[in-house]
Structure formats: structure tokens, C-alpha cells
Amino acid sequence: MRYWLMKSEPEAYGIDDLARDKVTAWWGVRNYQARNFMRDQMKPGDRGFFYHSNCAEPGIVGIVEVCKPAYPDATQFDRKHKYFDPKSTPENPRWLNVDVKLVKKTRLVGLAELRSHKALANMRVQAKGNRLSITPVDPAEWKYITERLMEGRAK
């Protein structure tokens, strides 16, 4: 099993939307590296942190599980959609998505809190200039966050 951090702006699609929908396609990714993570490395059963970005208090707000492997993102073919890509065809799609399901909502583990723990200093979400919507999470980081921060044992 691999671990991921998956960013979404709460105004576009937040944790409460996923709680309502139960399962969603993680569409709209338009970065080749993030796309390649979905295509080449994400597998059903992998877990991810659902991370609210570009908001008043960015941070982890839930845990998701990949429940369907990568397949073409339908928005790339929709001429009326903001994610339409005229260079992409059904025979040769450029963009993919995976499906994720909600495991659980969690308390907000904000970016400031993540930054305050030396054990998490190498997380990609903390890297200056990191704009990737999907990044791998080291198993030790996953364990630290889920067992210590989400359970409230580390200060």
C-alpha cells in the first residue's frame, strides 16, 4: 500500500462534498507529474490524506482510499468544461483520474501544525513552491500523522 496527499479547494470540492457523495472521481488534474502518480503508482487500496488548499486554513481534513485505478478524465473531452483539452482524444487521452472513497473525516491538521513537527519536515506539501495536487507521503509520515496528530498525542 502507498500513501498520498490529495489537494482540493473546498469551494470546488471539499471533504463535506465527499462525505455526501461517498465516492468521487479525482478529476481536473492538469499536471503531468501528478497525472503520472495516478497512472503509474496509485492502486486500489492505497490511502490518502484529503487536504483542503487555497483556503483560510489549509490542511488535512480527512482520509480517503483509492477505489478505482486510473482511467481517462472525461472533462478533457467536454468543450464546455474549463478542463477541456483540444489536444486530447478518446483514443489518446492525456489526462486521467482515479476514484476515491471517504474513509473518515478528521479534525483539521493544518499546514502550520504539520510544519511544527520535525518528523514531517520532508513532506512535499511543505516544500517551498510545491503546487502539486497529488504527492506521495512516506509511510513514516503517514503513521506519525494518523497515530500522533490525529489522535492528539503529539504537541
C-alpha atoms as a PDB file:
ATOM      1  CA  MET A   1       0.000   0.000   0.000  1.00  0.00           C
ATOM      2  CA  ARG A   2       1.135   3.512  -0.815  1.00  0.00           C
ATOM      3  CA  TYR A   3       0.126   6.784   0.803  1.00  0.00           C
ATOM      4  CA  TRP A   4      -0.768  10.104  -0.802  1.00  0.00           C
ATOM      5  CA  LEU A   5      -1.761  13.673  -0.078  1.00  0.00           C
ATOM      6  CA  MET A   6      -4.518  14.880  -2.408  1.00  0.00           C
ATOM      7  CA  LYS A   7      -5.353  18.576  -2.522  1.00  0.00           C
ATOM      8  CA  SER A   8      -8.695  20.104  -3.367  1.00  0.00           C
ATOM      9  CA  GLU A   9     -10.021  23.589  -2.875  1.00  0.00           C
ATOM     10  CA  PRO A  10     -13.003  23.293  -0.517  1.00  0.00           C
ATOM     11  CA  GLU A  11     -15.030  25.744  -2.613  1.00  0.00           C
ATOM     12  CA  ALA A  12     -14.592  23.484  -5.656  1.00  0.00           C
ATOM     13  CA  TYR A  13     -14.945  20.102  -3.887  1.00  0.00           C
ATOM     14  CA  GLY A  14     -14.420  19.684  -0.170  1.00  0.00           C
ATOM     15  CA  ILE A  15     -14.497  16.937   2.401  1.00  0.00           C
ATOM     16  CA  ASP A  16     -18.199  17.584   3.079  1.00  0.00           C
ATOM     17  CA  ASP A  17     -18.930  17.008  -0.613  1.00  0.00           C
ATOM     18  CA  LEU A  18     -17.141  13.661  -0.457  1.00  0.00           C
ATOM     19  CA  ALA A  19     -18.983  12.788   2.772  1.00  0.00           C
ATOM     20  CA  ARG A  20     -22.224  13.381   0.864  1.00  0.00           C
ATOM     21  CA  ASP A  21     -21.141  11.561  -2.318  1.00  0.00           C
ATOM     22  CA  LYS A  22     -19.183   8.725  -0.617  1.00  0.00           C
ATOM     23  CA  VAL A  23     -17.119   8.135  -3.821  1.00  0.00           C
ATOM     24  CA  THR A  24     -15.810  10.594  -6.399  1.00  0.00           C
ATOM     25  CA  ALA A  25     -13.544  10.750  -9.415  1.00  0.00           C
ATOM     26  CA  TRP A  26     -10.448  12.845  -8.641  1.00  0.00           C
ATOM     27  CA  TRP A  27     -10.737  14.787 -11.903  1.00  0.00           C
ATOM     28  CA  GLY A  28      -9.235  18.015 -13.133  1.00  0.00           C
ATOM     29  CA  VAL A  29      -5.575  17.174 -12.511  1.00  0.00           C
ATOM     30  CA  ARG A  30      -3.586  19.031 -15.175  1.00  0.00           C
ATOM     31  CA  ASN A  31      -0.025  18.464 -14.076  1.00  0.00           C
ATOM     32  CA  TYR A  32       1.955  15.676 -15.728  1.00  0.00           C
ATOM     33  CA  GLN A  33       3.756  14.593 -12.569  1.00  0.00           C
ATOM     34  CA  ALA A  34       0.511  14.314 -10.580  1.00  0.00           C
ATOM     35  CA  ARG A  35      -1.106  12.529 -13.540  1.00  0.00           C
ATOM     36  CA  ASN A  36       1.796  10.078 -13.636  1.00  0.00           C
ATOM     37  CA  PHE A  37       1.387   9.330  -9.927  1.00  0.00           C
ATOM     38  CA  MET A  38      -2.230   8.331 -10.632  1.00  0.00           C
ATOM     39  CA  ARG A  39      -1.356   6.396 -13.788  1.00  0.00           C
ATOM     40  CA  ASP A  40       1.763   4.580 -12.639  1.00  0.00           C
ATOM     41  CA  GLN A  41       1.636   4.281  -8.866  1.00  0.00           C
ATOM     42  CA  MET A  42      -1.848   4.708  -7.376  1.00  0.00           C
ATOM     43  CA  LYS A  43      -3.664   1.429  -6.853  1.00  0.00           C
ATOM     44  CA  PRO A  44      -6.990   0.476  -5.265  1.00  0.00           C
ATOM     45  CA  GLY A  45      -6.473   0.157  -1.537  1.00  0.00           C
ATOM     46  CA  ASP A  46      -3.939   2.983  -1.317  1.00  0.00           C
ATOM     47  CA  ARG A  47      -4.790   5.593   1.285  1.00  0.00           C
ATOM     48  CA  GLY A  48      -4.591   9.351   1.033  1.00  0.00           C
ATOM     49  CA  PHE A  49      -4.975  12.469   3.096  1.00  0.00           C
ATOM     50  CA  PHE A  50      -7.727  14.745   1.782  1.00  0.00           C
ATOM     51  CA  TYR A  51      -6.175  18.201   2.002  1.00  0.00           C
ATOM     52  CA  HIS A  52      -8.043  21.495   1.723  1.00  0.00           C
ATOM     53  CA  SER A  53      -5.906  24.009  -0.169  1.00  0.00           C
ATOM     54  CA  ASN A  54      -6.224  27.637  -1.182  1.00  0.00           C
ATOM     55  CA  CYS A  55      -8.443  28.482   1.764  1.00  0.00           C
ATOM     56  CA  ALA A  56      -8.288  30.360   5.079  1.00  0.00           C
ATOM     57  CA  GLU A  57      -6.663  27.418   6.883  1.00  0.00           C
ATOM     58  CA  PRO A  58      -5.168  24.796   4.578  1.00  0.00           C
ATOM     59  CA  GLY A  59      -4.629  21.326   5.939  1.00  0.00           C
ATOM     60  CA  ILE A  60      -5.616  17.682   6.171  1.00  0.00           C
ATOM     61  CA  VAL A  61      -9.333  17.188   6.799  1.00  0.00           C
ATOM     62  CA  GLY A  62      -9.870  13.505   6.077  1.00  0.00           C
ATOM     63  CA  ILE A  63      -8.657  10.139   4.888  1.00  0.00           C
ATOM     64  CA  VAL A  64      -9.613   8.622   1.548  1.00  0.00           C
ATOM     65  CA  GLU A  65      -8.992   5.307  -0.168  1.00  0.00           C
ATOM     66  CA  VAL A  66      -8.319   4.793  -3.861  1.00  0.00           C
ATOM     67  CA  CYS A  67     -11.126   2.517  -5.055  1.00  0.00           C
ATOM     68  CA  LYS A  68     -10.688   2.547  -8.847  1.00  0.00           C
ATOM     69  CA  PRO A  69      -7.453   2.653 -10.848  1.00  0.00           C
ATOM     70  CA  ALA A  70      -6.635   5.446 -13.274  1.00  0.00           C
ATOM     71  CA  TYR A  71      -8.931   5.967 -16.263  1.00  0.00           C
ATOM     72  CA  PRO A  72      -9.487   8.875 -18.680  1.00  0.00           C
ATOM     73  CA  ASP A  73     -10.764  12.105 -17.129  1.00  0.00           C
ATOM     74  CA  ALA A  74     -13.977  12.870 -19.030  1.00  0.00           C
ATOM     75  CA  THR A  75     -13.627  16.633 -18.515  1.00  0.00           C
ATOM     76  CA  GLN A  76     -10.786  16.768 -21.059  1.00  0.00           C
ATOM     77  CA  PHE A  77     -13.270  15.908 -23.851  1.00  0.00           C
ATOM     78  CA  ASP A  78     -16.034  18.336 -22.847  1.00  0.00           C
ATOM     79  CA  ARG A  79     -15.687  21.505 -24.957  1.00  0.00           C
ATOM     80  CA  LYS A  80     -17.758  23.479 -22.430  1.00  0.00           C
ATOM     81  CA  HIS A  81     -15.709  22.424 -19.393  1.00  0.00           C
ATOM     82  CA  LYS A  82     -12.862  24.546 -18.041  1.00  0.00           C
ATOM     83  CA  TYR A  83     -10.620  21.457 -18.146  1.00  0.00           C
ATOM     84  CA  PHE A  84     -11.243  20.773 -21.850  1.00  0.00           C
ATOM     85  CA  ASP A  85      -8.042  19.848 -23.706  1.00  0.00           C
ATOM     86  CA  PRO A  86      -8.255  20.121 -27.507  1.00  0.00           C
ATOM     87  CA  LYS A  87      -5.098  18.005 -27.900  1.00  0.00           C
ATOM     88  CA  SER A  88      -6.621  15.064 -26.049  1.00  0.00           C
ATOM     89  CA  THR A  89      -8.704  12.412 -27.804  1.00  0.00           C
ATOM     90  CA  PRO A  90     -10.588   9.348 -26.546  1.00  0.00           C
ATOM     91  CA  GLU A  91      -8.051   7.220 -28.433  1.00  0.00           C
ATOM     92  CA  ASN A  92      -5.120   9.040 -26.853  1.00  0.00           C
ATOM     93  CA  PRO A  93      -6.221  10.735 -23.610  1.00  0.00           C
ATOM     94  CA  ARG A  94      -3.708  12.979 -21.884  1.00  0.00           C
ATOM     95  CA  TRP A  95      -5.420  13.262 -18.502  1.00  0.00           C
ATOM     96  CA  LEU A  96      -6.532  10.638 -16.013  1.00  0.00           C
ATOM     97  CA  ASN A  97      -8.309  10.370 -12.702  1.00  0.00           C
ATOM     98  CA  VAL A  98      -8.774   7.752 -10.020  1.00  0.00           C
ATOM     99  CA  ASP A  99     -11.847   7.216  -7.896  1.00  0.00           C
ATOM    100  CA  VAL A 100     -11.574   7.722  -4.151  1.00  0.00           C
ATOM    101  CA  LYS A 101     -13.962   6.929  -1.332  1.00  0.00           C
ATOM    102  CA  LEU A 102     -14.183   8.524   2.063  1.00  0.00           C
ATOM    103  CA  VAL A 103     -12.669   6.542   4.911  1.00  0.00           C
ATOM    104  CA  LYS A 104     -13.282   9.224   7.530  1.00  0.00           C
ATOM    105  CA  LYS A 105     -13.358  12.915   8.179  1.00  0.00           C
ATOM    106  CA  THR A 106     -10.736  14.034  10.676  1.00  0.00           C
ATOM    107  CA  ARG A 107     -10.004  17.098  12.700  1.00  0.00           C
ATOM    108  CA  LEU A 108      -8.153  19.749  10.745  1.00  0.00           C
ATOM    109  CA  VAL A 109      -4.413  19.124  10.836  1.00  0.00           C
ATOM    110  CA  GLY A 110      -3.315  22.467   9.464  1.00  0.00           C
ATOM    111  CA  LEU A 111      -0.219  23.269   7.480  1.00  0.00           C
ATOM    112  CA  ALA A 112       1.145  25.301  10.395  1.00  0.00           C
ATOM    113  CA  GLU A 113       0.784  22.264  12.661  1.00  0.00           C
ATOM    114  CA  LEU A 114       2.474  19.998  10.110  1.00  0.00           C
ATOM    115  CA  ARG A 115       5.357  22.474   9.911  1.00  0.00           C
ATOM    116  CA  SER A 116       5.791  22.424  13.688  1.00  0.00           C
ATOM    117  CA  HIS A 117       6.859  18.753  13.731  1.00  0.00           C
ATOM    118  CA  LYS A 118      10.449  17.871  12.789  1.00  0.00           C
ATOM    119  CA  ALA A 119       9.350  14.354  11.833  1.00  0.00           C
ATOM    120  CA  LEU A 120       7.326  15.881   8.973  1.00  0.00           C
ATOM    121  CA  ALA A 121       9.940  18.361   7.716  1.00  0.00           C
ATOM    122  CA  ASN A 122      10.433  16.489   4.419  1.00  0.00           C
ATOM    123  CA  MET A 123       6.774  16.259   3.433  1.00  0.00           C
ATOM    124  CA  ARG A 124       6.356  17.576  -0.102  1.00  0.00           C
ATOM    125  CA  VAL A 125       3.348  19.662   0.914  1.00  0.00           C
ATOM    126  CA  GLN A 126       5.759  21.751   2.980  1.00  0.00           C
ATOM    127  CA  ALA A 127       8.265  22.322   0.166  1.00  0.00           C
ATOM    128  CA  LYS A 128       8.538  25.912  -0.988  1.00  0.00           C
ATOM    129  CA  GLY A 129       6.746  26.367  -4.291  1.00  0.00           C
ATOM    130  CA  ASN A 130       5.048  22.967  -4.200  1.00  0.00           C
ATOM    131  CA  ARG A 131       1.893  23.250  -6.300  1.00  0.00           C
ATOM    132  CA  LEU A 132       1.267  19.565  -6.994  1.00  0.00           C
ATOM    133  CA  SER A 133      -2.285  18.464  -6.266  1.00  0.00           C
ATOM    134  CA  ILE A 134      -1.137  14.897  -5.541  1.00  0.00           C
ATOM    135  CA  THR A 135       2.059  13.988  -3.712  1.00  0.00           C
ATOM    136  CA  PRO A 136       3.367  10.785  -2.164  1.00  0.00           C
ATOM    137  CA  VAL A 137       3.507  10.535   1.611  1.00  0.00           C
ATOM    138  CA  ASP A 138       6.240   8.479   3.262  1.00  0.00           C
ATOM    139  CA  PRO A 139       4.863   5.604   5.398  1.00  0.00           C
ATOM    140  CA  ALA A 140       6.611   7.012   8.482  1.00  0.00           C
ATOM    141  CA  GLU A 141       4.938  10.399   7.892  1.00  0.00           C
ATOM    142  CA  TRP A 142       1.557   8.683   7.425  1.00  0.00           C
ATOM    143  CA  LYS A 143       1.995   6.797  10.692  1.00  0.00           C
ATOM    144  CA  TYR A 144       3.117   9.909  12.571  1.00  0.00           C
ATOM    145  CA  ILE A 145       0.131  11.940  11.382  1.00  0.00           C
ATOM    146  CA  THR A 146      -2.515   9.248  11.833  1.00  0.00           C
ATOM    147  CA  GLU A 147      -1.257   7.896  15.150  1.00  0.00           C
ATOM    148  CA  ARG A 148       0.108  11.002  16.827  1.00  0.00           C
ATOM    149  CA  LEU A 149      -1.522  14.108  15.382  1.00  0.00           C
ATOM    150  CA  MET A 150      -4.964  12.790  14.545  1.00  0.00           C
ATOM    151  CA  GLU A 151      -5.150  11.003  17.856  1.00  0.00           C
ATOM    152  CA  GLY A 152      -3.921  14.107  19.667  1.00  0.00           C
ATOM    153  CA  ARG A 153      -0.892  12.549  21.401  1.00  0.00           C
ATOM    154  CA  ALA A 154       1.790  14.853  19.974  1.00  0.00           C
ATOM    155  CA  LYS A 155       2.096  18.525  20.800  1.00  0.00           C
END
